[in-house]
């Protein structure tokens, strides 16, 4: 059984014509376990990844205030999977098949003091 740990840095943004957004950095990390089944034409693995993605959206305190500022948001995700690895060339090449399930949490404010802020909507 192999237990590799995974990790990395993410960049996240939302493509929209309605808001001014700025991409932000986040992280992703997790682990997977691969079980080698001797004398079988496949291996199996299962794992989980956890990530936090950040972005900023332009907004202001009230309709009366003239200046905009960037409001920081975060989005947490969890992904779990169970895979079969069909051995094509023994340990050198496999085809991976199996289900992946991902849960995305709600978009959350990073600073609760900005809870009453209004997002700036772009009108064309």
C-alpha atoms as a PDB file:
ATOM      1  CA  UNK A   1       0.000   0.000   0.000  1.00  0.00           C
ATOM      2  CA  UNK A   2       1.333   3.425  -0.972  1.00  0.00           C
ATOM      3  CA  UNK A   3       0.176   6.592   0.838  1.00  0.00           C
ATOM      4  CA  UNK A   4       1.335   9.626  -1.179  1.00  0.00           C
ATOM      5  CA  UNK A   5       0.602  13.079   0.165  1.00  0.00           C
ATOM      6  CA  UNK A   6      -0.382  15.778  -2.319  1.00  0.00           C
ATOM      7  CA  UNK A   7      -0.267  19.533  -2.039  1.00  0.00           C
ATOM      8  CA  UNK A   8      -0.148  22.705  -4.054  1.00  0.00           C
ATOM      9  CA  UNK A   9      -1.055  26.338  -4.523  1.00  0.00           C
ATOM     10  CA  UNK A  10      -4.190  27.360  -6.434  1.00  0.00           C
ATOM     11  CA  UNK A  11      -5.324  30.484  -8.249  1.00  0.00           C
ATOM     12  CA  UNK A  12      -9.066  31.041  -8.454  1.00  0.00           C
ATOM     13  CA  UNK A  13     -11.277  33.544 -10.253  1.00  0.00           C
ATOM     14  CA  UNK A  14     -14.857  33.732 -11.515  1.00  0.00           C
ATOM     15  CA  UNK A  15     -15.437  34.700 -15.159  1.00  0.00           C
ATOM     16  CA  UNK A  16     -18.365  37.103 -15.235  1.00  0.00           C
ATOM     17  CA  UNK A  17     -19.489  40.247 -17.022  1.00  0.00           C
ATOM     18  CA  UNK A  18     -21.509  41.399 -13.986  1.00  0.00           C
ATOM     19  CA  UNK A  19     -18.808  42.043 -11.361  1.00  0.00           C
ATOM     20  CA  UNK A  20     -15.216  43.226 -11.132  1.00  0.00           C
ATOM     21  CA  UNK A  21     -13.230  40.320  -9.684  1.00  0.00           C
ATOM     22  CA  UNK A  22      -9.605  39.714  -8.786  1.00  0.00           C
ATOM     23  CA  UNK A  23      -8.105  36.235  -8.588  1.00  0.00           C
ATOM     24  CA  UNK A  24      -6.619  35.058  -5.346  1.00  0.00           C
ATOM     25  CA  UNK A  25      -4.233  32.370  -4.153  1.00  0.00           C
ATOM     26  CA  UNK A  26      -5.307  29.342  -2.149  1.00  0.00           C
ATOM     27  CA  UNK A  27      -4.149  25.851  -1.330  1.00  0.00           C
ATOM     28  CA  UNK A  28      -4.968  22.240  -2.084  1.00  0.00           C
ATOM     29  CA  UNK A  29      -3.835  19.206  -0.132  1.00  0.00           C
ATOM     30  CA  UNK A  30      -4.737  15.629   0.525  1.00  0.00           C
ATOM     31  CA  UNK A  31      -3.655  12.044   0.310  1.00  0.00           C
ATOM     32  CA  UNK A  32      -4.424   8.864  -1.552  1.00  0.00           C
ATOM     33  CA  UNK A  33      -3.855   5.192  -0.868  1.00  0.00           C
ATOM     34  CA  UNK A  34      -3.016   2.836  -3.730  1.00  0.00           C
ATOM     35  CA  UNK A  35      -3.317  -0.898  -3.195  1.00  0.00           C
ATOM     36  CA  UNK A  36      -1.255  -3.112  -5.504  1.00  0.00           C
ATOM     37  CA  UNK A  37      -3.088  -6.353  -6.180  1.00  0.00           C
ATOM     38  CA  UNK A  38      -0.539  -8.962  -7.300  1.00  0.00           C
ATOM     39  CA  UNK A  39      -1.501 -11.247 -10.190  1.00  0.00           C
ATOM     40  CA  UNK A  40      -4.421  -8.969 -11.110  1.00  0.00           C
ATOM     41  CA  UNK A  41      -4.818  -6.818 -14.205  1.00  0.00           C
ATOM     42  CA  UNK A  42      -5.741  -3.787 -12.065  1.00  0.00           C
ATOM     43  CA  UNK A  43      -4.916  -1.841  -8.909  1.00  0.00           C
ATOM     44  CA  UNK A  44      -7.282   0.250  -6.801  1.00  0.00           C
ATOM     45  CA  UNK A  45      -6.882   3.556  -5.001  1.00  0.00           C
ATOM     46  CA  UNK A  46      -8.948   5.935  -2.917  1.00  0.00           C
ATOM     47  CA  UNK A  47      -8.221   9.429  -1.727  1.00  0.00           C
ATOM     48  CA  UNK A  48      -9.397  12.812  -0.578  1.00  0.00           C
ATOM     49  CA  UNK A  49      -8.407  16.381  -1.490  1.00  0.00           C
ATOM     50  CA  UNK A  50      -9.266  19.524   0.478  1.00  0.00           C
ATOM     51  CA  UNK A  51      -8.877  23.004  -0.999  1.00  0.00           C
ATOM     52  CA  UNK A  52      -9.518  26.629  -0.131  1.00  0.00           C
ATOM     53  CA  UNK A  53      -9.892  29.048  -3.043  1.00  0.00           C
ATOM     54  CA  UNK A  54      -9.813  32.820  -2.590  1.00  0.00           C
ATOM     55  CA  UNK A  55     -11.010  35.727  -4.724  1.00  0.00           C
ATOM     56  CA  UNK A  56     -12.000  39.355  -4.351  1.00  0.00           C
ATOM     57  CA  UNK A  57     -15.106  41.141  -5.669  1.00  0.00           C
ATOM     58  CA  UNK A  58     -15.489  44.920  -5.930  1.00  0.00           C
ATOM     59  CA  UNK A  59     -18.020  46.491  -3.548  1.00  0.00           C
ATOM     60  CA  UNK A  60     -18.741  49.415  -1.269  1.00  0.00           C
ATOM     61  CA  UNK A  61     -20.169  50.112   2.155  1.00  0.00           C
ATOM     62  CA  UNK A  62     -23.442  51.757   1.002  1.00  0.00           C
ATOM     63  CA  UNK A  63     -25.032  53.166  -2.159  1.00  0.00           C
ATOM     64  CA  UNK A  64     -24.090  56.696  -1.012  1.00  0.00           C
ATOM     65  CA  UNK A  65     -20.349  56.025  -0.687  1.00  0.00           C
ATOM     66  CA  UNK A  66     -18.366  56.919  -3.816  1.00  0.00           C
ATOM     67  CA  UNK A  67     -15.313  54.632  -3.554  1.00  0.00           C
ATOM     68  CA  UNK A  68     -15.128  50.901  -4.187  1.00  0.00           C
ATOM     69  CA  UNK A  69     -12.938  48.414  -2.367  1.00  0.00           C
ATOM     70  CA  UNK A  70     -12.215  44.747  -2.897  1.00  0.00           C
ATOM     71  CA  UNK A  71     -14.150  42.328  -0.666  1.00  0.00           C
ATOM     72  CA  UNK A  72     -12.328  39.051   0.060  1.00  0.00           C
ATOM     73  CA  UNK A  73     -14.205  35.746  -0.266  1.00  0.00           C
ATOM     74  CA  UNK A  74     -13.205  32.107   0.159  1.00  0.00           C
ATOM     75  CA  UNK A  75     -14.621  28.853  -1.184  1.00  0.00           C
ATOM     76  CA  UNK A  76     -13.850  25.497   0.444  1.00  0.00           C
ATOM     77  CA  UNK A  77     -14.067  22.245  -1.551  1.00  0.00           C
ATOM     78  CA  UNK A  78     -13.627  18.565  -0.746  1.00  0.00           C
ATOM     79  CA  UNK A  79     -13.137  15.843  -3.349  1.00  0.00           C
ATOM     80  CA  UNK A  80     -13.172  12.089  -2.708  1.00  0.00           C
ATOM     81  CA  UNK A  81     -12.577   9.357  -5.223  1.00  0.00           C
ATOM     82  CA  UNK A  82     -12.255   5.618  -5.714  1.00  0.00           C
ATOM     83  CA  UNK A  83     -10.355   4.517  -8.812  1.00  0.00           C
ATOM     84  CA  UNK A  84      -9.547   1.305 -10.648  1.00  0.00           C
ATOM     85  CA  UNK A  85      -6.201   1.421 -12.484  1.00  0.00           C
ATOM     86  CA  UNK A  86      -6.209  -0.992 -15.444  1.00  0.00           C
ATOM     87  CA  UNK A  87      -2.597  -2.105 -16.066  1.00  0.00           C
ATOM     88  CA  UNK A  88      -1.736  -1.627 -19.738  1.00  0.00           C
ATOM     89  CA  UNK A  89       2.075  -1.890 -19.457  1.00  0.00           C
ATOM     90  CA  UNK A  90       2.511  -3.308 -15.926  1.00  0.00           C
ATOM     91  CA  UNK A  91       3.937  -0.481 -13.752  1.00  0.00           C
ATOM     92  CA  UNK A  92       4.453   2.035 -16.578  1.00  0.00           C
ATOM     93  CA  UNK A  93       0.997   2.750 -18.030  1.00  0.00           C
ATOM     94  CA  UNK A  94      -2.515   2.489 -16.597  1.00  0.00           C
ATOM     95  CA  UNK A  95      -5.992   3.653 -17.545  1.00  0.00           C
ATOM     96  CA  UNK A  96      -7.866   5.078 -14.556  1.00  0.00           C
ATOM     97  CA  UNK A  97     -11.619   4.617 -14.170  1.00  0.00           C
ATOM     98  CA  UNK A  98     -13.918   5.344 -11.275  1.00  0.00           C
ATOM     99  CA  UNK A  99     -16.187   7.813  -9.520  1.00  0.00           C
ATOM    100  CA  UNK A 100     -15.146  11.200  -8.155  1.00  0.00           C
ATOM    101  CA  UNK A 101     -17.405  13.200  -5.866  1.00  0.00           C
ATOM    102  CA  UNK A 102     -16.844  16.886  -5.125  1.00  0.00           C
ATOM    103  CA  UNK A 103     -18.595  19.101  -2.588  1.00  0.00           C
ATOM    104  CA  UNK A 104     -18.355  22.896  -2.891  1.00  0.00           C
ATOM    105  CA  UNK A 105     -19.213  24.915   0.195  1.00  0.00           C
ATOM    106  CA  UNK A 106     -20.947  28.282   0.002  1.00  0.00           C
ATOM    107  CA  UNK A 107     -18.939  31.370  -0.911  1.00  0.00           C
ATOM    108  CA  UNK A 108     -17.985  32.938   2.436  1.00  0.00           C
ATOM    109  CA  UNK A 109     -16.719  36.367   3.430  1.00  0.00           C
ATOM    110  CA  UNK A 110     -13.238  36.350   4.919  1.00  0.00           C
ATOM    111  CA  UNK A 111     -13.996  39.458   7.018  1.00  0.00           C
ATOM    112  CA  UNK A 112     -17.397  39.449   8.748  1.00  0.00           C
ATOM    113  CA  UNK A 113     -17.182  43.248   9.153  1.00  0.00           C
ATOM    114  CA  UNK A 114     -17.915  43.496   5.385  1.00  0.00           C
ATOM    115  CA  UNK A 115     -21.180  41.558   5.718  1.00  0.00           C
ATOM    116  CA  UNK A 116     -23.351  44.591   4.953  1.00  0.00           C
ATOM    117  CA  UNK A 117     -21.307  45.757   1.944  1.00  0.00           C
ATOM    118  CA  UNK A 118     -22.964  45.960  -1.482  1.00  0.00           C
ATOM    119  CA  UNK A 119     -21.335  44.387  -4.531  1.00  0.00           C
ATOM    120  CA  UNK A 120     -20.703  46.701  -7.466  1.00  0.00           C
ATOM    121  CA  UNK A 121     -22.736  45.527 -10.462  1.00  0.00           C
ATOM    122  CA  UNK A 122     -21.497  46.397 -13.955  1.00  0.00           C
ATOM    123  CA  UNK A 123     -24.288  47.497 -16.270  1.00  0.00           C
ATOM    124  CA  UNK A 124     -23.837  47.601 -20.013  1.00  0.00           C
END
